[in-house]
Amino acid sequence: MSEVGEPASITLRLPPAAAWWPLAGETAGYAAARAGLSAATSARLRLALREACANACSHGRLAELGAPLVIRCDLLPGGALRVAVADQGPGFNPDAVPRPSLDAPLEKRRLGGLGVHLMRHLVDRLEVVAVEGGHEVWLCVDARGEEGEAAQ
C-alpha cells in the first residue's frame, strides 16, 4: 500500500470550477496506482470522480458559499481506495435516486439524472455520508472489484 513515511491520505482544496477537475482526477489516479489498482480501475474512478465533482459544484452550494471543492483520497488496507468529495449541500440518498430509463427513446428521456447511475456502475461502492457542515460522496474501489476485469 504505502511506503514508510508516505501519507495514507491526501486532501485537495480546489476552486469549485470544472477547470480544476483534471487535477482531482490525476491525484486520484496517482492514489489508485499507489494502492496497486489497475489502469482500468483508475480510469473508471477518475470518470466517477468527475461526475461527483460536477454534482458537488452544481448541487453542493460551493460557489454560492465561496467554499472550495474538497477532495480526499484515502488509501485503505487491502488495496482499497476511497475518494471523498465534500460539499455543503443538503445531501441525498443514492439508493433513492430513480434509475434512468436507458431503453426509452432519447426524446422521451429527461435531461440529467445519469450521474448517480454512472458513478454507481463505475465504482465498487458509492456512499453519501453526513459530515460537519455538509456531506461527502464516497467513491470506493478495491482490488477485489478487478477480478472480472482481466476477462473483459
Protein backbone atom coordinates (compact mmCIF):
# COMPACT_ATOMS: atom_id res chain seq x y z
CA MET A 1 0.00 0.00 0.00
CA SER A 2 2.06 2.96 1.13
CA GLU A 3 5.74 3.12 1.85
CA VAL A 4 7.19 4.17 5.19
CA GLY A 5 6.72 7.90 5.60
CA GLU A 6 4.21 8.15 2.74
CA PRO A 7 0.85 9.61 3.79
CA ALA A 8 -2.15 7.29 3.70
CA SER A 9 -4.35 10.15 2.50
CA ILE A 10 -4.14 13.39 0.59
CA THR A 11 -6.60 16.29 0.52
CA LEU A 12 -7.09 18.81 -2.27
CA ARG A 13 -8.89 22.12 -1.86
CA LEU A 14 -9.76 23.46 -5.28
CA PRO A 15 -11.87 26.30 -6.66
CA PRO A 16 -15.37 24.95 -7.46
CA ALA A 17 -14.85 25.14 -11.21
CA ALA A 18 -14.61 22.49 -13.93
CA ALA A 19 -11.16 23.71 -14.96
CA TRP A 20 -9.76 22.14 -11.77
CA TRP A 21 -11.36 18.69 -12.08
CA PRO A 22 -8.46 17.23 -14.12
CA LEU A 23 -6.13 17.88 -11.17
CA ALA A 24 -8.51 15.96 -8.93
CA GLY A 25 -8.55 13.10 -11.46
CA GLU A 26 -4.75 13.00 -11.74
CA THR A 27 -4.44 12.91 -7.94
CA ALA A 28 -6.99 10.08 -7.67
CA GLY A 29 -5.16 8.22 -10.46
CA TYR A 30 -1.89 8.53 -8.56
CA ALA A 31 -3.56 7.28 -5.37
CA ALA A 32 -5.03 4.33 -7.32
CA ALA A 33 -1.56 3.43 -8.59
CA ARG A 34 -0.16 3.64 -5.05
CA ALA A 35 -2.96 1.30 -3.92
CA GLY A 36 -1.91 -1.16 -6.65
CA LEU A 37 -5.13 -0.83 -8.64
CA SER A 38 -5.23 -1.41 -12.39
CA ALA A 39 -5.23 1.31 -15.04
CA ALA A 40 -8.82 0.33 -15.95
CA THR A 41 -9.98 0.75 -12.34
CA SER A 42 -8.17 4.07 -12.16
CA ALA A 43 -9.89 5.26 -15.34
CA ARG A 44 -13.32 4.28 -14.02
CA LEU A 45 -12.59 6.02 -10.72
CA ARG A 46 -11.49 9.22 -12.48
CA LEU A 47 -14.71 9.29 -14.54
CA ALA A 48 -16.84 8.74 -11.42
CA LEU A 49 -14.87 11.48 -9.67
CA ARG A 50 -15.62 13.89 -12.50
CA GLU A 51 -19.34 13.24 -12.01
CA ALA A 52 -19.03 13.68 -8.24
CA CYS A 53 -17.19 16.99 -8.75
CA ALA A 54 -19.89 18.18 -11.17
CA ASN A 55 -22.61 17.30 -8.66
CA ALA A 56 -20.75 18.96 -5.77
CA CYS A 57 -20.26 22.14 -7.79
CA SER A 58 -23.82 22.30 -9.14
CA HIS A 59 -25.82 20.99 -6.15
CA GLY A 60 -23.45 21.44 -3.22
CA ARG A 61 -23.69 25.23 -2.82
CA LEU A 62 -19.91 25.64 -3.12
CA ALA A 63 -19.85 28.71 -5.38
CA GLU A 64 -22.79 30.25 -3.54
CA LEU A 65 -20.94 29.95 -0.22
CA GLY A 66 -17.49 30.74 -1.62
CA ALA A 67 -16.35 27.30 -0.44
CA PRO A 68 -13.65 25.16 -2.06
CA LEU A 69 -14.20 21.82 -3.72
CA VAL A 70 -12.60 19.43 -1.21
CA ILE A 71 -11.44 16.02 -2.39
CA ARG A 72 -9.71 13.48 -0.15
CA CYS A 73 -8.08 10.24 -1.32
CA ASP A 74 -7.67 7.65 1.45
CA LEU A 75 -5.53 4.55 0.89
CA LEU A 76 -7.19 1.78 2.89
CA PRO A 77 -5.92 -1.64 3.97
CA GLY A 78 -6.01 -4.45 1.43
CA GLY A 79 -5.52 -2.34 -1.69
CA ALA A 80 -8.70 -0.29 -1.36
CA LEU A 81 -9.07 3.39 -2.14
CA ARG A 82 -11.79 5.78 -1.02
CA VAL A 83 -12.14 9.16 -2.73
CA ALA A 84 -14.37 11.58 -0.81
CA VAL A 85 -15.88 14.66 -2.44
CA ALA A 86 -17.23 17.13 0.11
CA ASP A 87 -19.92 19.75 -0.36
CA GLN A 88 -22.24 21.85 1.75
CA GLY A 89 -25.47 20.88 0.05
CA PRO A 90 -28.45 19.05 1.53
CA GLY A 91 -27.13 15.58 0.66
CA PHE A 92 -29.06 12.77 -0.94
CA ASN A 93 -29.61 9.04 -0.72
CA PRO A 94 -28.09 7.46 -3.84
CA ASP A 95 -30.44 4.48 -3.46
CA ALA A 96 -33.43 6.84 -3.67
CA VAL A 97 -32.31 8.36 -6.97
CA PRO A 98 -34.55 6.86 -9.65
CA ARG A 99 -32.85 4.62 -12.14
CA PRO A 100 -32.77 6.20 -15.59
CA SER A 101 -34.80 4.65 -18.37
CA LEU A 102 -31.93 3.77 -20.68
CA ASP A 103 -34.19 1.93 -23.12
CA ALA A 104 -36.51 4.89 -23.68
CA PRO A 105 -36.08 6.89 -26.90
CA LEU A 106 -33.81 9.90 -26.41
CA GLU A 107 -36.64 12.38 -26.94
CA LYS A 108 -38.59 10.78 -24.05
CA ARG A 109 -35.74 10.91 -21.52
CA ARG A 110 -35.42 13.70 -19.02
CA LEU A 111 -32.27 15.82 -19.03
CA GLY A 112 -29.70 14.90 -16.41
CA GLY A 113 -30.14 12.11 -13.93
CA LEU A 114 -27.34 9.89 -15.24
CA GLY A 115 -24.60 10.98 -12.81
CA VAL A 116 -25.53 8.75 -9.87
CA HIS A 117 -26.28 5.85 -12.22
CA LEU A 118 -22.88 6.29 -13.85
CA MET A 119 -21.00 6.61 -10.53
CA ARG A 120 -22.77 3.55 -9.13
CA HIS A 121 -21.61 1.46 -12.10
CA LEU A 122 -18.04 2.78 -12.20
CA VAL A 123 -17.01 2.15 -8.60
CA ASP A 124 -17.33 -0.80 -6.24
CA ARG A 125 -19.26 1.19 -3.66
CA LEU A 126 -20.96 4.60 -3.65
CA GLU A 127 -21.96 6.18 -0.34
CA VAL A 128 -23.16 9.58 0.82
CA VAL A 129 -22.10 10.38 4.37
CA ALA A 130 -23.18 13.32 6.54
CA VAL A 131 -20.20 15.26 7.91
CA GLU A 132 -19.92 18.50 9.82
CA GLY A 133 -21.07 21.30 7.56
CA GLY A 134 -22.40 19.13 4.74
CA HIS A 135 -21.91 15.75 3.09
CA GLU A 136 -19.29 13.64 1.41
CA VAL A 137 -19.79 11.39 -1.58
CA TRP A 138 -17.53 8.37 -1.17
CA LEU A 139 -16.29 6.59 -4.28
CA CYS A 140 -14.73 3.31 -3.18
CA VAL A 141 -12.70 0.92 -5.32
CA ASP A 142 -10.60 -2.06 -4.38
CA ALA A 143 -8.62 -4.89 -5.89
CA ARG A 144 -11.49 -7.33 -5.29
CA GLY A 145 -13.52 -5.50 -7.95
CA GLU A 146 -10.80 -6.18 -10.53
CA GLU A 147 -11.21 -9.97 -10.71
CA GLY A 148 -13.55 -9.89 -13.72
CA GLU A 149 -11.60 -7.12 -15.41
CA ALA A 150 -8.98 -9.40 -16.94
CA ALA A 151 -11.67 -11.33 -18.82
CA GLN A 152 -13.12 -8.16 -20.39
